[in-house]
Amino acid sequence: MAGKAVIGWDMTAALALTHALGLNPMVAAELLPELEAVMVRRINEKIGTEDG
């Protein structure tokens, strides 16, 4: 978090989690950036509505 906004995920941790779950790392590397973008946007929207 930066101030009152999420700026991104720790991709090293996200990839480690996919490895721990036994998921294909190539698929995870392709999908995680798209998932991150959507989730960061949604989390920041939620933060914005809770502040105002």
PDB file of N, CA and C in Angstrom:
ATOM      1  N   MET A   1       0.840  -1.180   0.000  1.00  0.00           N
ATOM      2  CA  MET A   1       0.000   0.000   0.000  1.00  0.00           C
ATOM      3  C   MET A   1       0.879   1.235   0.000  1.00  0.00           C
ATOM      4  N   ALA A   2       0.359   2.249  -0.643  1.00  0.00           N
ATOM      5  CA  ALA A   2       1.040   3.529  -0.678  1.00  0.00           C
ATOM      6  C   ALA A   2       0.016   4.583  -0.279  1.00  0.00           C
ATOM      7  N   GLY A   3       0.153   5.133   0.902  1.00  0.00           N
ATOM      8  CA  GLY A   3      -0.870   6.065   1.365  1.00  0.00           C
ATOM      9  C   GLY A   3      -2.169   5.310   1.567  1.00  0.00           C
ATOM     10  N   LYS A   4      -3.157   5.650   0.743  1.00  0.00           N
ATOM     11  CA  LYS A   4      -4.442   4.959   0.821  1.00  0.00           C
ATOM     12  C   LYS A   4      -4.797   4.341  -0.516  1.00  0.00           C
ATOM     13  N   ALA A   5      -3.822   3.725  -1.156  1.00  0.00           N
ATOM     14  CA  ALA A   5      -4.072   3.036  -2.421  1.00  0.00           C
ATOM     15  C   ALA A   5      -3.128   1.850  -2.558  1.00  0.00           C
ATOM     16  N   VAL A   6      -3.628   0.809  -3.154  1.00  0.00           N
ATOM     17  CA  VAL A   6      -2.798  -0.337  -3.473  1.00  0.00           C
ATOM     18  C   VAL A   6      -2.163  -0.058  -4.829  1.00  0.00           C
ATOM     19  N   ILE A   7      -0.852  -0.277  -4.943  1.00  0.00           N
ATOM     20  CA  ILE A   7      -0.193  -0.002  -6.216  1.00  0.00           C
ATOM     21  C   ILE A   7       0.197  -1.277  -6.954  1.00  0.00           C
ATOM     22  N   GLY A   8       0.098  -2.402  -6.308  1.00  0.00           N
ATOM     23  CA  GLY A   8       0.402  -3.651  -6.991  1.00  0.00           C
ATOM     24  C   GLY A   8       0.636  -4.785  -6.019  1.00  0.00           C
ATOM     25  N   TRP A   9       0.810  -5.968  -6.596  1.00  0.00           N
ATOM     26  CA  TRP A   9       1.069  -7.171  -5.823  1.00  0.00           C
ATOM     27  C   TRP A   9       2.548  -7.476  -5.806  1.00  0.00           C
ATOM     28  N   ASP A  10       2.971  -8.242  -4.828  1.00  0.00           N
ATOM     29  CA  ASP A  10       4.322  -8.793  -4.786  1.00  0.00           C
ATOM     30  C   ASP A  10       4.291 -10.035  -5.678  1.00  0.00           C
ATOM     31  N   MET A  11       4.760  -9.878  -6.923  1.00  0.00           N
ATOM     32  CA  MET A  11       4.674 -10.971  -7.891  1.00  0.00           C
ATOM     33  C   MET A  11       5.554 -12.160  -7.509  1.00  0.00           C
ATOM     34  N   THR A  12       6.659 -11.908  -6.815  1.00  0.00           N
ATOM     35  CA  THR A  12       7.487 -13.022  -6.363  1.00  0.00           C
ATOM     36  C   THR A  12       6.695 -13.893  -5.398  1.00  0.00           C
ATOM     37  N   ALA A  13       5.978 -13.261  -4.492  1.00  0.00           N
ATOM     38  CA  ALA A  13       5.148 -14.009  -3.543  1.00  0.00           C
ATOM     39  C   ALA A  13       3.991 -14.699  -4.262  1.00  0.00           C
ATOM     40  N   ALA A  14       3.390 -14.020  -5.217  1.00  0.00           N
ATOM     41  CA  ALA A  14       2.275 -14.620  -5.960  1.00  0.00           C
ATOM     42  C   ALA A  14       2.737 -15.849  -6.741  1.00  0.00           C
ATOM     43  N   LEU A  15       3.901 -15.760  -7.377  1.00  0.00           N
ATOM     44  CA  LEU A  15       4.426 -16.908  -8.113  1.00  0.00           C
ATOM     45  C   LEU A  15       4.831 -18.036  -7.167  1.00  0.00           C
ATOM     46  N   ALA A  16       5.349 -17.691  -5.995  1.00  0.00           N
ATOM     47  CA  ALA A  16       5.686 -18.713  -5.003  1.00  0.00           C
ATOM     48  C   ALA A  16       4.418 -19.428  -4.534  1.00  0.00           C
ATOM     49  N   LEU A  17       3.350 -18.685  -4.379  1.00  0.00           N
ATOM     50  CA  LEU A  17       2.081 -19.289  -3.977  1.00  0.00           C
ATOM     51  C   LEU A  17       1.566 -20.239  -5.048  1.00  0.00           C
ATOM     52  N   THR A  18       1.653 -19.836  -6.305  1.00  0.00           N
ATOM     53  CA  THR A  18       1.198 -20.732  -7.371  1.00  0.00           C
ATOM     54  C   THR A  18       2.045 -22.006  -7.396  1.00  0.00           C
ATOM     55  N   HIS A  19       3.342 -21.861  -7.145  1.00  0.00           N
ATOM     56  CA  HIS A  19       4.226 -23.038  -7.089  1.00  0.00           C
ATOM     57  C   HIS A  19       3.815 -23.945  -5.929  1.00  0.00           C
ATOM     58  N   ALA A  20       3.547 -23.355  -4.775  1.00  0.00           N
ATOM     59  CA  ALA A  20       3.144 -24.134  -3.606  1.00  0.00           C
ATOM     60  C   ALA A  20       1.822 -24.858  -3.842  1.00  0.00           C
ATOM     61  N   LEU A  21       0.971 -24.264  -4.654  1.00  0.00           N
ATOM     62  CA  LEU A  21      -0.319 -24.890  -4.961  1.00  0.00           C
ATOM     63  C   LEU A  21      -0.214 -25.913  -6.090  1.00  0.00           C
ATOM     64  N   GLY A  22       0.977 -25.997  -6.685  1.00  0.00           N
ATOM     65  CA  GLY A  22       1.175 -26.966  -7.757  1.00  0.00           C
ATOM     66  C   GLY A  22       0.645 -26.524  -9.100  1.00  0.00           C
ATOM     67  N   LEU A  23       0.478 -25.220  -9.290  1.00  0.00           N
ATOM     68  CA  LEU A  23      -0.026 -24.703 -10.555  1.00  0.00           C
ATOM     69  C   LEU A  23       1.111 -24.531 -11.556  1.00  0.00           C
ATOM     70  N   ASN A  24       0.769 -24.540 -12.819  1.00  0.00           N
ATOM     71  CA  ASN A  24       1.744 -24.375 -13.881  1.00  0.00           C
ATOM     72  C   ASN A  24       2.312 -22.953 -13.834  1.00  0.00           C
ATOM     73  N   PRO A  25       3.624 -22.795 -13.645  1.00  0.00           N
ATOM     74  CA  PRO A  25       4.201 -21.453 -13.526  1.00  0.00           C
ATOM     75  C   PRO A  25       4.090 -20.619 -14.796  1.00  0.00           C
ATOM     76  N   MET A  26       4.084 -21.246 -15.948  1.00  0.00           N
ATOM     77  CA  MET A  26       3.947 -20.496 -17.204  1.00  0.00           C
ATOM     78  C   MET A  26       2.540 -19.899 -17.324  1.00  0.00           C
ATOM     79  N   VAL A  27       1.554 -20.679 -16.942  1.00  0.00           N
ATOM     80  CA  VAL A  27       0.174 -20.181 -16.973  1.00  0.00           C
ATOM     81  C   VAL A  27       0.009 -19.064 -15.954  1.00  0.00           C
ATOM     82  N   ALA A  28       0.559 -19.264 -14.767  1.00  0.00           N
ATOM     83  CA  ALA A  28       0.470 -18.246 -13.719  1.00  0.00           C
ATOM     84  C   ALA A  28       1.130 -16.943 -14.170  1.00  0.00           C
ATOM     85  N   ALA A  29       2.296 -17.049 -14.806  1.00  0.00           N
ATOM     86  CA  ALA A  29       3.002 -15.858 -15.268  1.00  0.00           C
ATOM     87  C   ALA A  29       2.198 -15.101 -16.323  1.00  0.00           C
ATOM     88  N   GLU A  30       1.418 -15.809 -17.100  1.00  0.00           N
ATOM     89  CA  GLU A  30       0.563 -15.162 -18.106  1.00  0.00           C
ATOM     90  C   GLU A  30      -0.675 -14.523 -17.480  1.00  0.00           C
ATOM     91  N   LEU A  31      -1.254 -15.187 -16.486  1.00  0.00           N
ATOM     92  CA  LEU A  31      -2.535 -14.730 -15.929  1.00  0.00           C
ATOM     93  C   LEU A  31      -2.397 -13.720 -14.796  1.00  0.00           C
ATOM     94  N   LEU A  32      -1.349 -13.825 -13.997  1.00  0.00           N
ATOM     95  CA  LEU A  32      -1.236 -12.971 -12.814  1.00  0.00           C
ATOM     96  C   LEU A  32      -1.260 -11.468 -13.114  1.00  0.00           C
ATOM     97  N   PRO A  33      -0.582 -10.971 -14.150  1.00  0.00           N
ATOM     98  CA  PRO A  33      -0.657  -9.521 -14.403  1.00  0.00           C
ATOM     99  C   PRO A  33      -2.078  -9.021 -14.684  1.00  0.00           C
ATOM    100  N   GLU A  34      -2.851  -9.816 -15.409  1.00  0.00           N
ATOM    101  CA  GLU A  34      -4.239  -9.423 -15.685  1.00  0.00           C
ATOM    102  C   GLU A  34      -5.079  -9.453 -14.410  1.00  0.00           C
ATOM    103  N   LEU A  35      -4.896 -10.495 -13.616  1.00  0.00           N
ATOM    104  CA  LEU A  35      -5.618 -10.589 -12.343  1.00  0.00           C
ATOM    105  C   LEU A  35      -5.226  -9.453 -11.410  1.00  0.00           C
ATOM    106  N   GLU A  36      -3.948  -9.144 -11.375  1.00  0.00           N
ATOM    107  CA  GLU A  36      -3.459  -8.068 -10.517  1.00  0.00           C
ATOM    108  C   GLU A  36      -4.120  -6.748 -10.889  1.00  0.00           C
ATOM    109  N   ALA A  37      -4.172  -6.442 -12.170  1.00  0.00           N
ATOM    110  CA  ALA A  37      -4.748  -5.166 -12.618  1.00  0.00           C
ATOM    111  C   ALA A  37      -6.201  -5.021 -12.174  1.00  0.00           C
ATOM    112  N   VAL A  38      -6.974  -6.085 -12.347  1.00  0.00           N
ATOM    113  CA  VAL A  38      -8.390  -6.041 -11.954  1.00  0.00           C
ATOM    114  C   VAL A  38      -8.529  -5.912 -10.444  1.00  0.00           C
ATOM    115  N   MET A  39      -7.771  -6.712  -9.702  1.00  0.00           N
ATOM    116  CA  MET A  39      -7.895  -6.700  -8.246  1.00  0.00           C
ATOM    117  C   MET A  39      -7.418  -5.378  -7.635  1.00  0.00           C
ATOM    118  N   VAL A  40      -6.334  -4.825  -8.148  1.00  0.00           N
ATOM    119  CA  VAL A  40      -5.853  -3.538  -7.634  1.00  0.00           C
ATOM    120  C   VAL A  40      -6.904  -2.454  -7.882  1.00  0.00           C
ATOM    121  N   ARG A  41      -7.486  -2.457  -9.077  1.00  0.00           N
ATOM    122  CA  ARG A  41      -8.525  -1.477  -9.392  1.00  0.00           C
ATOM    123  C   ARG A  41      -9.720  -1.626  -8.448  1.00  0.00           C
ATOM    124  N   ARG A  42     -10.175  -2.859  -8.229  1.00  0.00           N
ATOM    125  CA  ARG A  42     -11.332  -3.098  -7.361  1.00  0.00           C
ATOM    126  C   ARG A  42     -11.041  -2.740  -5.904  1.00  0.00           C
ATOM    127  N   ILE A  43      -9.858  -3.106  -5.419  1.00  0.00           N
ATOM    128  CA  ILE A  43      -9.493  -2.775  -4.033  1.00  0.00           C
ATOM    129  C   ILE A  43      -9.445  -1.263  -3.852  1.00  0.00           C
ATOM    130  N   ASN A  44      -8.858  -0.556  -4.812  1.00  0.00           N
ATOM    131  CA  ASN A  44      -8.780   0.901  -4.705  1.00  0.00           C
ATOM    132  C   ASN A  44     -10.157   1.549  -4.786  1.00  0.00           C
ATOM    133  N   GLU A  45     -11.057   0.975  -5.582  1.00  0.00           N
ATOM    134  CA  GLU A  45     -12.445   1.475  -5.601  1.00  0.00           C
ATOM    135  C   GLU A  45     -13.083   1.311  -4.230  1.00  0.00           C
ATOM    136  N   LYS A  46     -12.861   0.163  -3.606  1.00  0.00           N
ATOM    137  CA  LYS A  46     -13.432  -0.099  -2.282  1.00  0.00           C
ATOM    138  C   LYS A  46     -12.840   0.843  -1.243  1.00  0.00           C
ATOM    139  N   ILE A  47     -11.535   1.069  -1.297  1.00  0.00           N
ATOM    140  CA  ILE A  47     -10.896   2.003  -0.379  1.00  0.00           C
ATOM    141  C   ILE A  47     -11.497   3.394  -0.548  1.00  0.00           C
ATOM    142  N   GLY A  48     -11.715   3.794  -1.809  1.00  0.00           N
ATOM    143  CA  GLY A  48     -12.282   5.116  -2.091  1.00  0.00           C
ATOM    144  C   GLY A  48     -13.683   5.281  -1.545  1.00  0.00           C
ATOM    145  N   THR A  49     -14.518   4.245  -1.633  1.00  0.00           N
ATOM    146  CA  THR A  49     -15.886   4.366  -1.145  1.00  0.00           C
ATOM    147  C   THR A  49     -15.932   4.348   0.377  1.00  0.00           C
ATOM    148  N   GLU A  50     -14.978   3.688   1.015  1.00  0.00           N
ATOM    149  CA  GLU A  50     -14.962   3.655   2.478  1.00  0.00           C
ATOM    150  C   GLU A  50     -14.468   4.963   3.066  1.00  0.00           C
ATOM    151  N   ASP A  51     -13.631   5.695   2.321  1.00  0.00           N
ATOM    152  CA  ASP A  51     -13.096   6.972   2.817  1.00  0.00           C
ATOM    153  C   ASP A  51     -14.096   8.114   2.664  1.00  0.00           C
ATOM    154  N   GLY A  52     -14.938   8.031   1.671  1.00  0.00           N
ATOM    155  CA  GLY A  52     -15.770   9.182   1.381  1.00  0.00           C
ATOM    156  C   GLY A  52     -17.171   8.916   1.583  1.00  0.00           C
TER     157      GLY A  52
END
